[in-house]
Amino acid sequence: MAVYSEDPNIDAVGACVGNRGLRVSSIVAELG
């Protein structure tokens, strides 16, 4: 997945990963 933000203060990849990877890990769990 390719992500982008026009706001230089926002880390697009970091926002998707989440603190300690919590956001992406919950999605990975849903996807088995």
Full PDB file with SEQRES, HELIX, SHEET, SSBOND, CRYST1, ORIGX, SCALE, CONECT and MASTER records, all heavy atoms in Angstrom:
SEQRES   1 A   32  MET ALA VAL TYR SER GLU ASP PRO ASN ILE ASP ALA VAL          
SEQRES   2 A   32  GLY ALA CYS VAL GLY ASN ARG GLY LEU ARG VAL SER SER          
SEQRES   3 A   32  ILE VAL ALA GLU LEU GLY                                      
HELIX    1 AA1 ALA A   12  VAL A   17  1                                   6    
HELIX    2 AA2 ASN A   19  GLY A   21  5                                   3    
HELIX    3 AA3 LEU A   22  GLU A   30  1                                   9    
CRYST1    1.000    1.000    1.000  90.00  90.00  90.00 P 1           1          
ORIGX1      1.000000  0.000000  0.000000        0.00000                         
ORIGX2      0.000000  1.000000  0.000000        0.00000                         
ORIGX3      0.000000  0.000000  1.000000        0.00000                         
SCALE1      1.000000  0.000000  0.000000        0.00000                         
SCALE2      0.000000  1.000000  0.000000        0.00000                         
SCALE3      0.000000  0.000000  1.000000        0.00000                         
ATOM      1  N   MET A   1       0.842  -1.193   0.000  1.00  0.00           N  
ATOM      2  CA  MET A   1       0.000   0.000   0.000  1.00  0.00           C  
ATOM      3  C   MET A   1       0.876   1.241   0.000  1.00  0.00           C  
ATOM      4  O   MET A   1       1.806   1.367   0.798  1.00  0.00           O  
ATOM      5  CB  MET A   1      -0.910  -0.010   1.234  1.00  0.00           C  
ATOM      6  CG  MET A   1      -1.909   1.122   1.265  1.00  0.00           C  
ATOM      7  SD  MET A   1      -3.083   0.965   2.653  1.00  0.00           S  
ATOM      8  CE  MET A   1      -2.038   1.449   4.036  1.00  0.00           C  
ATOM      9  N   ALA A   2       0.577   2.172  -0.917  1.00  0.00           N  
ATOM     10  CA  ALA A   2       1.306   3.432  -0.992  1.00  0.00           C  
ATOM     11  C   ALA A   2       0.441   4.536  -0.401  1.00  0.00           C  
ATOM     12  O   ALA A   2      -0.732   4.683  -0.761  1.00  0.00           O  
ATOM     13  CB  ALA A   2       1.656   3.758  -2.439  1.00  0.00           C  
ATOM     14  N   VAL A   3       1.010   5.313   0.522  1.00  0.00           N  
ATOM     15  CA  VAL A   3       0.248   6.365   1.197  1.00  0.00           C  
ATOM     16  C   VAL A   3       0.979   7.695   1.080  1.00  0.00           C  
ATOM     17  O   VAL A   3       2.197   7.752   0.868  1.00  0.00           O  
ATOM     18  CB  VAL A   3       0.011   6.024   2.688  1.00  0.00           C  
ATOM     19  CG1 VAL A   3      -0.869   4.794   2.811  1.00  0.00           C  
ATOM     20  CG2 VAL A   3       1.338   5.806   3.412  1.00  0.00           C  
ATOM     21  N   TYR A   4       0.210   8.775   1.238  1.00  0.00           N  
ATOM     22  CA  TYR A   4       0.779  10.113   1.063  1.00  0.00           C  
ATOM     23  C   TYR A   4      -0.014  11.122   1.875  1.00  0.00           C  
ATOM     24  O   TYR A   4      -1.223  10.974   2.070  1.00  0.00           O  
ATOM     25  CB  TYR A   4       0.729  10.492  -0.420  1.00  0.00           C  
ATOM     26  CG  TYR A   4       1.150  11.909  -0.727  1.00  0.00           C  
ATOM     27  CD1 TYR A   4       2.490  12.272  -0.705  1.00  0.00           C  
ATOM     28  CD2 TYR A   4       0.188  12.871  -1.034  1.00  0.00           C  
ATOM     29  CE1 TYR A   4       2.867  13.574  -0.998  1.00  0.00           C  
ATOM     30  CE2 TYR A   4       0.566  14.183  -1.321  1.00  0.00           C  
ATOM     31  CZ  TYR A   4       1.909  14.522  -1.299  1.00  0.00           C  
ATOM     32  OH  TYR A   4       2.288  15.811  -1.580  1.00  0.00           O  
ATOM     33  N   SER A   5       0.678  12.138   2.350  1.00  0.00           N  
ATOM     34  CA  SER A   5       0.022  13.245   3.036  1.00  0.00           C  
ATOM     35  C   SER A   5       0.618  14.562   2.550  1.00  0.00           C  
ATOM     36  O   SER A   5       1.841  14.690   2.438  1.00  0.00           O  
ATOM     37  CB  SER A   5       0.181  13.135   4.556  1.00  0.00           C  
ATOM     38  OG  SER A   5      -0.404  14.263   5.186  1.00  0.00           O  
ATOM     39  N   GLU A   6      -0.264  15.515   2.255  1.00  0.00           N  
ATOM     40  CA  GLU A   6       0.218  16.836   1.834  1.00  0.00           C  
ATOM     41  C   GLU A   6       0.720  17.644   3.018  1.00  0.00           C  
ATOM     42  O   GLU A   6       1.435  18.629   2.843  1.00  0.00           O  
ATOM     43  CB  GLU A   6      -0.903  17.594   1.115  1.00  0.00           C  
ATOM     44  CG  GLU A   6      -1.288  16.984  -0.236  1.00  0.00           C  
ATOM     45  CD  GLU A   6      -2.314  17.838  -0.956  1.00  0.00           C  
ATOM     46  OE1 GLU A   6      -2.813  18.811  -0.349  1.00  0.00           O  
ATOM     47  OE2 GLU A   6      -2.609  17.531  -2.131  1.00  0.00           O  
ATOM     48  N   ASP A   7       0.325  17.240   4.207  1.00  0.00           N  
ATOM     49  CA  ASP A   7       0.760  17.939   5.413  1.00  0.00           C  
ATOM     50  C   ASP A   7       2.147  17.433   5.808  1.00  0.00           C  
ATOM     51  O   ASP A   7       2.306  16.266   6.175  1.00  0.00           O  
ATOM     52  CB  ASP A   7      -0.236  17.677   6.546  1.00  0.00           C  
ATOM     53  CG  ASP A   7       0.038  18.533   7.778  1.00  0.00           C  
ATOM     54  OD1 ASP A   7       1.176  19.027   7.917  1.00  0.00           O  
ATOM     55  OD2 ASP A   7      -0.880  18.701   8.605  1.00  0.00           O  
ATOM     56  N   PRO A   8       3.156  18.296   5.740  1.00  0.00           N  
ATOM     57  CA  PRO A   8       4.520  17.857   6.069  1.00  0.00           C  
ATOM     58  C   PRO A   8       4.689  17.428   7.527  1.00  0.00           C  
ATOM     59  O   PRO A   8       5.654  16.751   7.878  1.00  0.00           O  
ATOM     60  CB  PRO A   8       5.373  19.097   5.764  1.00  0.00           C  
ATOM     61  CG  PRO A   8       4.428  20.253   5.850  1.00  0.00           C  
ATOM     62  CD  PRO A   8       3.108  19.731   5.396  1.00  0.00           C  
ATOM     63  N   ASN A   9       3.743  17.811   8.374  1.00  0.00           N  
ATOM     64  CA  ASN A   9       3.829  17.448   9.789  1.00  0.00           C  
ATOM     65  C   ASN A   9       3.245  16.073  10.087  1.00  0.00           C  
ATOM     66  O   ASN A   9       3.284  15.614  11.234  1.00  0.00           O  
ATOM     67  CB  ASN A   9       3.104  18.502  10.637  1.00  0.00           C  
ATOM     68  CG  ASN A   9       3.748  19.876  10.537  1.00  0.00           C  
ATOM     69  OD1 ASN A   9       4.977  19.987  10.550  1.00  0.00           O  
ATOM     70  ND2 ASN A   9       2.931  20.907  10.409  1.00  0.00           N  
ATOM     71  N   ILE A  10       2.666  15.444   9.060  1.00  0.00           N  
ATOM     72  CA  ILE A  10       2.067  14.126   9.263  1.00  0.00           C  
ATOM     73  C   ILE A  10       2.915  13.067   8.583  1.00  0.00           C  
ATOM     74  O   ILE A  10       3.222  13.161   7.382  1.00  0.00           O  
ATOM     75  CB  ILE A  10       0.627  14.081   8.703  1.00  0.00           C  
ATOM     76  CG1 ILE A  10      -0.281  15.023   9.495  1.00  0.00           C  
ATOM     77  CG2 ILE A  10       0.071  12.659   8.739  1.00  0.00           C  
ATOM     78  CD1 ILE A  10      -1.705  15.072   8.982  1.00  0.00           C  
ATOM     79  N   ASP A  11       3.304  12.070   9.335  1.00  0.00           N  
ATOM     80  CA  ASP A  11       4.024  10.913   8.792  1.00  0.00           C  
ATOM     81  C   ASP A  11       2.970   9.908   8.323  1.00  0.00           C  
ATOM     82  O   ASP A  11       2.339   9.226   9.136  1.00  0.00           O  
ATOM     83  CB  ASP A  11       4.918  10.301   9.875  1.00  0.00           C  
ATOM     84  CG  ASP A  11       5.629   9.044   9.413  1.00  0.00           C  
ATOM     85  OD1 ASP A  11       5.508   8.686   8.209  1.00  0.00           O  
ATOM     86  OD2 ASP A  11       6.286   8.397  10.243  1.00  0.00           O  
ATOM     87  N   ALA A  12       2.776   9.838   7.004  1.00  0.00           N  
ATOM     88  CA  ALA A  12       1.704   9.003   6.450  1.00  0.00           C  
ATOM     89  C   ALA A  12       1.885   7.534   6.822  1.00  0.00           C  
ATOM     90  O   ALA A  12       0.934   6.854   7.217  1.00  0.00           O  
ATOM     91  CB  ALA A  12       1.637   9.168   4.933  1.00  0.00           C  
ATOM     92  N   VAL A  13       3.115   7.046   6.689  1.00  0.00           N  
ATOM     93  CA  VAL A  13       3.383   5.641   7.011  1.00  0.00           C  
ATOM     94  C   VAL A  13       3.200   5.399   8.501  1.00  0.00           C  
ATOM     95  O   VAL A  13       2.576   4.419   8.929  1.00  0.00           O  
ATOM     96  CB  VAL A  13       4.806   5.237   6.561  1.00  0.00           C  
ATOM     97  CG1 VAL A  13       5.131   3.821   7.032  1.00  0.00           C  
ATOM     98  CG2 VAL A  13       4.929   5.346   5.048  1.00  0.00           C  
ATOM     99  N   GLY A  14       3.745   6.306   9.321  1.00  0.00           N  
ATOM    100  CA  GLY A  14       3.639   6.157  10.773  1.00  0.00           C  
ATOM    101  C   GLY A  14       2.198   6.173  11.254  1.00  0.00           C  
ATOM    102  O   GLY A  14       1.832   5.442  12.181  1.00  0.00           O  
ATOM    103  N   ALA A  15       1.361   7.005  10.611  1.00  0.00           N  
ATOM    104  CA  ALA A  15      -0.051   7.064  11.000  1.00  0.00           C  
ATOM    105  C   ALA A  15      -0.734   5.725  10.754  1.00  0.00           C  
ATOM    106  O   ALA A  15      -1.579   5.294  11.541  1.00  0.00           O  
ATOM    107  CB  ALA A  15      -0.758   8.173  10.221  1.00  0.00           C  
ATOM    108  N   CYS A  16      -0.373   5.072   9.650  1.00  0.00           N  
ATOM    109  CA  CYS A  16      -0.987   3.780   9.319  1.00  0.00           C  
ATOM    110  C   CYS A  16      -0.469   2.654  10.216  1.00  0.00           C  
ATOM    111  O   CYS A  16      -1.220   1.738  10.561  1.00  0.00           O  
ATOM    112  CB  CYS A  16      -0.718   3.429   7.854  1.00  0.00           C  
ATOM    113  SG  CYS A  16      -1.498   4.566   6.697  1.00  0.00           S  
ATOM    114  N   VAL A  17       0.791   2.747  10.586  1.00  0.00           N  
ATOM    115  CA  VAL A  17       1.380   1.712  11.449  1.00  0.00           C  
ATOM    116  C   VAL A  17       0.857   1.847  12.868  1.00  0.00           C  
ATOM    117  O   VAL A  17       0.510   0.856  13.521  1.00  0.00           O  
ATOM    118  CB  VAL A  17       2.917   1.794  11.413  1.00  0.00           C  
ATOM    119  CG1 VAL A  17       3.519   0.846  12.448  1.00  0.00           C  
ATOM    120  CG2 VAL A  17       3.440   1.473  10.018  1.00  0.00           C  
ATOM    121  N   GLY A  18       0.788   3.097  13.350  1.00  0.00           N  
ATOM    122  CA  GLY A  18       0.286   3.339  14.697  1.00  0.00           C  
ATOM    123  C   GLY A  18       1.351   3.180  15.762  1.00  0.00           C  
ATOM    124  O   GLY A  18       2.454   2.670  15.502  1.00  0.00           O  
ATOM    125  N   ASN A  19       1.022   3.621  16.953  1.00  0.00           N  
ATOM    126  CA  ASN A  19       1.948   3.535  18.076  1.00  0.00           C  
ATOM    127  C   ASN A  19       2.256   2.068  18.374  1.00  0.00           C  
ATOM    128  O   ASN A  19       1.360   1.271  18.633  1.00  0.00           O  
ATOM    129  CB  ASN A  19       1.321   4.220  19.303  1.00  0.00           C  
ATOM    130  CG  ASN A  19       2.270   4.292  20.469  1.00  0.00           C  
ATOM    131  OD1 ASN A  19       3.496   4.317  20.296  1.00  0.00           O  
ATOM    132  ND2 ASN A  19       1.721   4.313  21.675  1.00  0.00           N  
ATOM    133  N   ARG A  20       3.533   1.734  18.310  1.00  0.00           N  
ATOM    134  CA  ARG A  20       4.010   0.371  18.532  1.00  0.00           C  
ATOM    135  C   ARG A  20       3.366  -0.633  17.561  1.00  0.00           C  
ATOM    136  O   ARG A  20       3.264  -1.822  17.846  1.00  0.00           O  
ATOM    137  CB  ARG A  20       3.743  -0.072  19.972  1.00  0.00           C  
ATOM    138  CG  ARG A  20       4.462   0.773  21.008  1.00  0.00           C  
ATOM    139  CD  ARG A  20       4.170   0.254  22.410  1.00  0.00           C  
ATOM    140  NE  ARG A  20       4.825   1.088  23.428  1.00  0.00           N  
ATOM    141  CZ  ARG A  20       4.716   0.888  24.741  1.00  0.00           C  
ATOM    142  NH1 ARG A  20       3.971  -0.129  25.180  1.00  0.00           N  
ATOM    143  NH2 ARG A  20       5.326   1.673  25.584  1.00  0.00           N  
ATOM    144  N   GLY A  21       2.928  -0.098  16.414  1.00  0.00           N  
ATOM    145  CA  GLY A  21       2.376  -0.976  15.382  1.00  0.00           C  
ATOM    146  C   GLY A  21       0.988  -1.504  15.676  1.00  0.00           C  
ATOM    147  O   GLY A  21       0.523  -2.458  15.038  1.00  0.00           O  
ATOM    148  N   LEU A  22       0.280  -0.864  16.633  1.00  0.00           N  
ATOM    149  CA  LEU A  22      -1.018  -1.385  17.059  1.00  0.00           C  
ATOM    150  C   LEU A  22      -2.062  -1.337  15.941  1.00  0.00           C  
ATOM    151  O   LEU A  22      -2.871  -2.252  15.789  1.00  0.00           O  
ATOM    152  CB  LEU A  22      -1.531  -0.608  18.276  1.00  0.00           C  
ATOM    153  CG  LEU A  22      -0.790  -0.868  19.595  1.00  0.00           C  
ATOM    154  CD1 LEU A  22      -1.357   0.005  20.697  1.00  0.00           C  
ATOM    155  CD2 LEU A  22      -0.918  -2.343  19.980  1.00  0.00           C  
ATOM    156  N   ARG A  23      -2.048  -0.243  15.152  1.00  0.00           N  
ATOM    157  CA  ARG A  23      -3.066  -0.104  14.105  1.00  0.00           C  
ATOM    158  C   ARG A  23      -2.918  -1.169  13.023  1.00  0.00           C  
ATOM    159  O   ARG A  23      -3.868  -1.851  12.665  1.00  0.00           O  
ATOM    160  CB  ARG A  23      -3.000   1.293  13.487  1.00  0.00           C  
ATOM    161  CG  ARG A  23      -3.468   2.395  14.422  1.00  0.00           C  
ATOM    162  CD  ARG A  23      -3.291   3.772  13.806  1.00  0.00           C  
ATOM    163  NE  ARG A  23      -3.827   4.820  14.681  1.00  0.00           N  
ATOM    164  CZ  ARG A  23      -3.751   6.125  14.421  1.00  0.00           C  
ATOM    165  NH1 ARG A  23      -3.149   6.543  13.297  1.00  0.00           N  
ATOM    166  NH2 ARG A  23      -4.265   7.004  15.258  1.00  0.00           N  
ATOM    167  N   VAL A  24      -1.727  -1.289  12.506  1.00  0.00           N  
ATOM    168  CA  VAL A  24      -1.524  -2.252  11.419  1.00  0.00           C  
ATOM    169  C   VAL A  24      -1.623  -3.690  11.922  1.00  0.00           C  
ATOM    170  O   VAL A  24      -2.093  -4.579  11.205  1.00  0.00           O  
ATOM    171  CB  VAL A  24      -0.179  -2.001  10.707  1.00  0.00           C  
ATOM    172  CG1 VAL A  24       1.005  -2.437  11.561  1.00  0.00           C  
ATOM    173  CG2 VAL A  24      -0.141  -2.723   9.365  1.00  0.00           C  
ATOM    174  N   SER A  25      -1.223  -3.925  13.154  1.00  0.00           N  
ATOM    175  CA  SER A  25      -1.259  -5.292  13.678  1.00  0.00           C  
ATOM    176  C   SER A  25      -2.693  -5.793  13.833  1.00  0.00           C  
ATOM    177  O   SER A  25      -2.979  -6.978  13.640  1.00  0.00           O  
ATOM    178  CB  SER A  25      -0.529  -5.379  15.021  1.00  0.00           C  
ATOM    179  OG  SER A  25      -1.138  -4.555  15.991  1.00  0.00           O  
ATOM    180  N   SER A  26      -3.630  -4.897  14.175  1.00  0.00           N  
ATOM    181  CA  SER A  26      -5.026  -5.315  14.295  1.00  0.00           C  
ATOM    182  C   SER A  26      -5.591  -5.687  12.930  1.00  0.00           C  
ATOM    183  O   SER A  26      -6.416  -6.598  12.810  1.00  0.00           O  
ATOM    184  CB  SER A  26      -5.863  -4.204  14.931  1.00  0.00           C  
ATOM    185  OG  SER A  26      -5.952  -3.081  14.080  1.00  0.00           O  
ATOM    186  N   ILE A  27      -5.131  -4.988  11.892  1.00  0.00           N  
ATOM    187  CA  ILE A  27      -5.582  -5.302  10.529  1.00  0.00           C  
ATOM    188  C   ILE A  27      -4.977  -6.618  10.060  1.00  0.00           C  
ATOM    189  O   ILE A  27      -5.653  -7.440   9.432  1.00  0.00           O  
ATOM    190  CB  ILE A  27      -5.220  -4.147   9.570  1.00  0.00           C  
ATOM    191  CG1 ILE A  27      -5.997  -2.893   9.973  1.00  0.00           C  
ATOM    192  CG2 ILE A  27      -5.525  -4.526   8.115  1.00  0.00           C  
ATOM    193  CD1 ILE A  27      -5.610  -1.651   9.213  1.00  0.00           C  
ATOM    194  N   VAL A  28      -3.706  -6.822  10.379  1.00  0.00           N  
ATOM    195  CA  VAL A  28      -3.048  -8.086  10.029  1.00  0.00           C  
ATOM    196  C   VAL A  28      -3.769  -9.256  10.691  1.00  0.00           C  
ATOM    197  O   VAL A  28      -3.972 -10.312  10.081  1.00  0.00           O  
ATOM    198  CB  VAL A  28      -1.554  -8.059  10.453  1.00  0.00           C  
ATOM    199  CG1 VAL A  28      -0.936  -9.447  10.336  1.00  0.00           C  
ATOM    200  CG2 VAL A  28      -0.778  -7.074   9.586  1.00  0.00           C  
ATOM    201  N   ALA A  29      -4.198  -9.065  11.925  1.00  0.00           N  
ATOM    202  CA  ALA A  29      -4.932 -10.120  12.637  1.00  0.00           C  
ATOM    203  C   ALA A  29      -6.254 -10.428  11.945  1.00  0.00           C  
ATOM    204  O   ALA A  29      -6.650 -11.587  11.805  1.00  0.00           O  
ATOM    205  CB  ALA A  29      -5.171  -9.698  14.088  1.00  0.00           C  
ATOM    206  N   GLU A  30      -6.960  -9.380  11.496  1.00  0.00           N  
ATOM    207  CA  GLU A  30      -8.230  -9.573  10.785  1.00  0.00           C  
ATOM    208  C   GLU A  30      -8.010 -10.318   9.477  1.00  0.00           C  
ATOM    209  O   GLU A  30      -8.872 -11.086   9.028  1.00  0.00           O  
ATOM    210  CB  GLU A  30      -8.876  -8.204  10.510  1.00  0.00           C  
ATOM    211  CG  GLU A  30     -10.176  -8.268   9.730  1.00  0.00           C  
ATOM    212  CD  GLU A  30     -11.290  -8.963  10.492  1.00  0.00           C  
ATOM    213  OE1 GLU A  30     -11.393  -8.768  11.724  1.00  0.00           O  
ATOM    214  OE2 GLU A  30     -12.066  -9.705   9.864  1.00  0.00           O  
ATOM    215  N   LEU A  31      -6.837 -10.117   8.883  1.00  0.00           N  
ATOM    216  CA  LEU A  31      -6.524 -10.761   7.595  1.00  0.00           C  
ATOM    217  C   LEU A  31      -5.853 -12.119   7.777  1.00  0.00           C  
ATOM    218  O   LEU A  31      -5.360 -12.700   6.799  1.00  0.00           O  
ATOM    219  CB  LEU A  31      -5.616  -9.846   6.767  1.00  0.00           C  
ATOM    220  CG  LEU A  31      -6.203  -8.480   6.395  1.00  0.00           C  
ATOM    221  CD1 LEU A  31      -5.171  -7.647   5.648  1.00  0.00           C  
ATOM    222  CD2 LEU A  31      -7.458  -8.638   5.559  1.00  0.00           C  
ATOM    223  N   GLY A  32      -5.819 -12.604   8.989  1.00  0.00           N  
ATOM    224  CA  GLY A  32      -5.260 -13.938   9.218  1.00  0.00           C  
ATOM    225  C   GLY A  32      -3.760 -14.012   9.042  1.00  0.00           C  
ATOM    226  O   GLY A  32      -3.225 -15.045   8.637  1.00  0.00           O  
TER     227      GLY A  32                                                      
MASTER        0    0    0    3    0    0    0    6  226    1    0    3          
END                                                                             
